[in-house]
N, C-alpha and C. Protein backbone atom coordinates (compact mmCIF):
# COMPACT_ATOMS: atom_id res chain seq x y z
N MET A 1 -38.66 19.71 -20.81
CA MET A 1 -38.25 19.03 -19.61
C MET A 1 -37.84 17.60 -19.90
N MET A 2 -38.58 16.94 -20.78
CA MET A 2 -38.26 15.56 -21.12
C MET A 2 -36.91 15.46 -21.84
N ARG A 3 -36.61 16.45 -22.67
CA ARG A 3 -35.35 16.47 -23.40
C ARG A 3 -34.19 16.63 -22.42
N PHE A 4 -34.34 17.47 -21.40
CA PHE A 4 -33.31 17.67 -20.39
C PHE A 4 -33.05 16.37 -19.62
N LEU A 5 -34.10 15.65 -19.30
CA LEU A 5 -33.97 14.39 -18.58
C LEU A 5 -33.23 13.35 -19.41
N ILE A 6 -33.53 13.28 -20.68
CA ILE A 6 -32.86 12.32 -21.56
C ILE A 6 -31.39 12.67 -21.71
N TYR A 7 -31.08 13.97 -21.92
CA TYR A 7 -29.68 14.38 -22.05
C TYR A 7 -28.90 14.12 -20.76
N SER A 8 -29.52 14.37 -19.62
CA SER A 8 -28.81 14.14 -18.36
C SER A 8 -28.56 12.65 -18.13
N LEU A 9 -29.50 11.80 -18.52
CA LEU A 9 -29.28 10.35 -18.40
C LEU A 9 -28.16 9.87 -19.32
N ILE A 10 -28.08 10.45 -20.52
CA ILE A 10 -27.01 10.09 -21.45
C ILE A 10 -25.66 10.52 -20.90
N VAL A 11 -25.59 11.70 -20.32
CA VAL A 11 -24.34 12.20 -19.75
C VAL A 11 -23.91 11.33 -18.57
N VAL A 12 -24.83 10.99 -17.70
CA VAL A 12 -24.50 10.15 -16.54
C VAL A 12 -24.02 8.79 -17.00
N PHE A 13 -24.67 8.20 -18.00
CA PHE A 13 -24.26 6.91 -18.53
C PHE A 13 -22.87 6.99 -19.16
N ALA A 14 -22.61 8.05 -19.90
CA ALA A 14 -21.30 8.21 -20.55
C ALA A 14 -20.19 8.41 -19.52
N LEU A 15 -20.47 9.14 -18.44
CA LEU A 15 -19.46 9.34 -17.41
C LEU A 15 -19.16 8.06 -16.64
N ASN A 16 -20.11 7.18 -16.53
CA ASN A 16 -19.87 5.90 -15.86
C ASN A 16 -18.99 4.98 -16.68
N LEU A 17 -19.01 5.14 -17.99
CA LEU A 17 -18.16 4.31 -18.85
C LEU A 17 -16.70 4.74 -18.81
N ASN A 18 -16.43 6.02 -18.56
CA ASN A 18 -15.07 6.54 -18.53
C ASN A 18 -14.61 6.66 -17.09
N SER A 19 -14.10 5.59 -16.57
CA SER A 19 -13.65 5.59 -15.18
C SER A 19 -12.21 6.08 -15.12
N CYS A 20 -11.89 6.82 -14.08
CA CYS A 20 -10.52 7.29 -13.88
C CYS A 20 -9.65 6.21 -13.24
N ALA A 21 -10.26 5.20 -12.70
CA ALA A 21 -9.50 4.14 -12.04
C ALA A 21 -8.81 3.28 -13.10
N ARG A 22 -7.60 2.89 -12.77
CA ARG A 22 -6.86 2.02 -13.67
C ARG A 22 -6.82 0.63 -13.08
N ARG A 23 -6.72 -0.33 -13.93
CA ARG A 23 -6.66 -1.70 -13.47
C ARG A 23 -5.26 -2.01 -12.97
N VAL A 24 -5.19 -2.54 -11.79
CA VAL A 24 -3.91 -2.89 -11.18
C VAL A 24 -3.82 -4.40 -11.14
N VAL A 25 -2.77 -4.94 -11.75
CA VAL A 25 -2.58 -6.37 -11.78
C VAL A 25 -1.35 -6.70 -10.95
N LEU A 26 -1.53 -7.53 -9.95
CA LEU A 26 -0.42 -7.95 -9.11
C LEU A 26 0.01 -9.35 -9.52
N LYS A 27 1.31 -9.53 -9.62
CA LYS A 27 1.81 -10.85 -9.95
C LYS A 27 1.73 -11.75 -8.73
N ASP A 28 1.34 -12.96 -8.97
CA ASP A 28 1.30 -13.94 -7.90
C ASP A 28 2.73 -14.40 -7.64
N SER A 29 3.20 -14.16 -6.44
CA SER A 29 4.57 -14.48 -6.10
C SER A 29 4.67 -15.93 -5.66
N ASN A 30 5.16 -16.78 -6.53
CA ASN A 30 5.32 -18.19 -6.21
C ASN A 30 6.73 -18.49 -5.71
N SER A 31 7.56 -17.48 -5.61
CA SER A 31 8.96 -17.72 -5.25
C SER A 31 9.23 -17.46 -3.77
N ILE A 32 8.22 -17.57 -2.93
CA ILE A 32 8.42 -17.38 -1.50
C ILE A 32 8.94 -18.68 -0.91
N THR A 33 10.07 -18.59 -0.24
CA THR A 33 10.67 -19.75 0.38
C THR A 33 10.38 -19.72 1.87
N VAL A 34 9.82 -20.78 2.36
CA VAL A 34 9.52 -20.89 3.79
C VAL A 34 10.57 -21.76 4.44
N VAL A 35 11.20 -21.20 5.48
CA VAL A 35 12.19 -21.95 6.25
C VAL A 35 11.48 -22.39 7.52
N HIS A 36 11.45 -23.69 7.76
CA HIS A 36 10.70 -24.20 8.89
C HIS A 36 11.43 -24.03 10.22
N LYS A 37 12.76 -24.03 10.17
CA LYS A 37 13.53 -23.90 11.41
C LYS A 37 14.77 -23.07 11.12
N LEU A 38 14.98 -22.02 11.90
CA LEU A 38 16.17 -21.18 11.73
C LEU A 38 17.38 -21.85 12.39
N PRO A 39 18.59 -21.56 11.90
CA PRO A 39 19.79 -22.09 12.55
C PRO A 39 19.94 -21.51 13.96
N LYS A 40 20.77 -22.12 14.77
CA LYS A 40 20.93 -21.70 16.16
C LYS A 40 21.63 -20.36 16.30
N ARG A 41 22.34 -19.90 15.29
CA ARG A 41 23.12 -18.67 15.40
C ARG A 41 22.43 -17.43 14.86
N TYR A 42 21.13 -17.37 14.89
CA TYR A 42 20.41 -16.19 14.39
C TYR A 42 20.41 -15.11 15.46
N ASP A 43 20.20 -13.87 15.03
CA ASP A 43 20.08 -12.73 15.94
C ASP A 43 18.67 -12.17 15.85
N VAL A 44 18.13 -11.74 16.97
CA VAL A 44 16.81 -11.09 17.01
C VAL A 44 17.04 -9.59 16.90
N VAL A 45 16.42 -8.96 15.92
CA VAL A 45 16.55 -7.52 15.72
C VAL A 45 15.16 -6.91 15.64
N ARG A 46 15.08 -5.62 15.94
CA ARG A 46 13.83 -4.87 15.82
C ARG A 46 13.99 -3.84 14.72
N VAL A 47 13.11 -3.89 13.75
CA VAL A 47 13.11 -2.93 12.64
C VAL A 47 11.73 -2.31 12.59
N LYS A 48 11.66 -1.00 12.82
CA LYS A 48 10.40 -0.26 12.83
C LYS A 48 9.39 -0.88 13.79
N GLY A 49 9.87 -1.32 14.93
CA GLY A 49 9.00 -1.89 15.95
C GLY A 49 8.60 -3.33 15.72
N LYS A 50 9.08 -3.95 14.67
CA LYS A 50 8.72 -5.33 14.38
C LYS A 50 9.90 -6.25 14.68
N ARG A 51 9.60 -7.40 15.23
CA ARG A 51 10.64 -8.36 15.58
C ARG A 51 10.99 -9.19 14.36
N LEU A 52 12.26 -9.14 13.97
CA LEU A 52 12.76 -9.91 12.84
C LEU A 52 13.95 -10.75 13.30
N TYR A 53 14.25 -11.74 12.52
CA TYR A 53 15.37 -12.63 12.81
C TYR A 53 16.41 -12.44 11.71
N PHE A 54 17.67 -12.28 12.09
CA PHE A 54 18.74 -12.00 11.13
C PHE A 54 19.72 -13.15 11.13
N PHE A 55 19.99 -13.68 9.94
CA PHE A 55 20.98 -14.74 9.78
C PHE A 55 21.49 -14.72 8.35
N ASN A 56 22.80 -14.82 8.23
CA ASN A 56 23.47 -14.95 6.92
C ASN A 56 23.10 -13.81 5.97
N GLY A 57 22.99 -12.59 6.49
CA GLY A 57 22.74 -11.43 5.65
C GLY A 57 21.29 -11.23 5.25
N ARG A 58 20.38 -12.00 5.81
CA ARG A 58 18.97 -11.88 5.46
C ARG A 58 18.12 -11.70 6.71
N HIS A 59 17.01 -11.00 6.54
CA HIS A 59 16.05 -10.82 7.62
C HIS A 59 14.87 -11.76 7.38
N TYR A 60 14.43 -12.41 8.45
CA TYR A 60 13.32 -13.35 8.38
C TYR A 60 12.18 -12.88 9.28
N LYS A 61 10.96 -13.18 8.86
CA LYS A 61 9.78 -12.85 9.64
C LYS A 61 9.08 -14.16 9.98
N LYS A 62 8.61 -14.27 11.21
CA LYS A 62 7.95 -15.49 11.65
C LYS A 62 6.49 -15.49 11.18
N THR A 63 6.05 -16.59 10.60
CA THR A 63 4.67 -16.77 10.17
C THR A 63 4.14 -18.07 10.75
N LYS A 64 2.90 -18.39 10.44
CA LYS A 64 2.31 -19.63 10.95
C LYS A 64 3.00 -20.87 10.38
N ARG A 65 3.49 -20.76 9.15
CA ARG A 65 4.09 -21.92 8.49
C ARG A 65 5.59 -22.01 8.68
N GLY A 66 6.21 -20.97 9.21
CA GLY A 66 7.66 -20.98 9.40
C GLY A 66 8.20 -19.57 9.31
N TYR A 67 9.34 -19.41 8.69
CA TYR A 67 9.99 -18.10 8.55
C TYR A 67 10.15 -17.78 7.08
N VAL A 68 9.86 -16.54 6.70
CA VAL A 68 10.01 -16.11 5.31
C VAL A 68 10.98 -14.94 5.26
N VAL A 69 11.67 -14.81 4.15
CA VAL A 69 12.65 -13.73 3.95
C VAL A 69 11.88 -12.45 3.64
N VAL A 70 12.27 -11.37 4.31
CA VAL A 70 11.65 -10.07 4.06
C VAL A 70 12.73 -9.08 3.66
N ARG A 71 12.33 -8.08 2.89
CA ARG A 71 13.25 -7.00 2.52
C ARG A 71 13.09 -5.87 3.50
N VAL A 72 14.22 -5.36 3.98
CA VAL A 72 14.17 -4.27 4.96
C VAL A 72 14.67 -2.99 4.31
């Protein structure tokens, strides 16, 4: 019985070392440009139920700090 307990503890320990999860590293995006005020000629559009602002071929999303460019 003691031998079974020792073998089971070794198996549990070994399985904990071999995780199936992979490490995911996300790059910190420092290239976000915040526009504090949009030009007067912007258009308001709805994409997937979200309100976006369109100007000069780009879509902008309103945030607390201003407007940021989003990919649609």
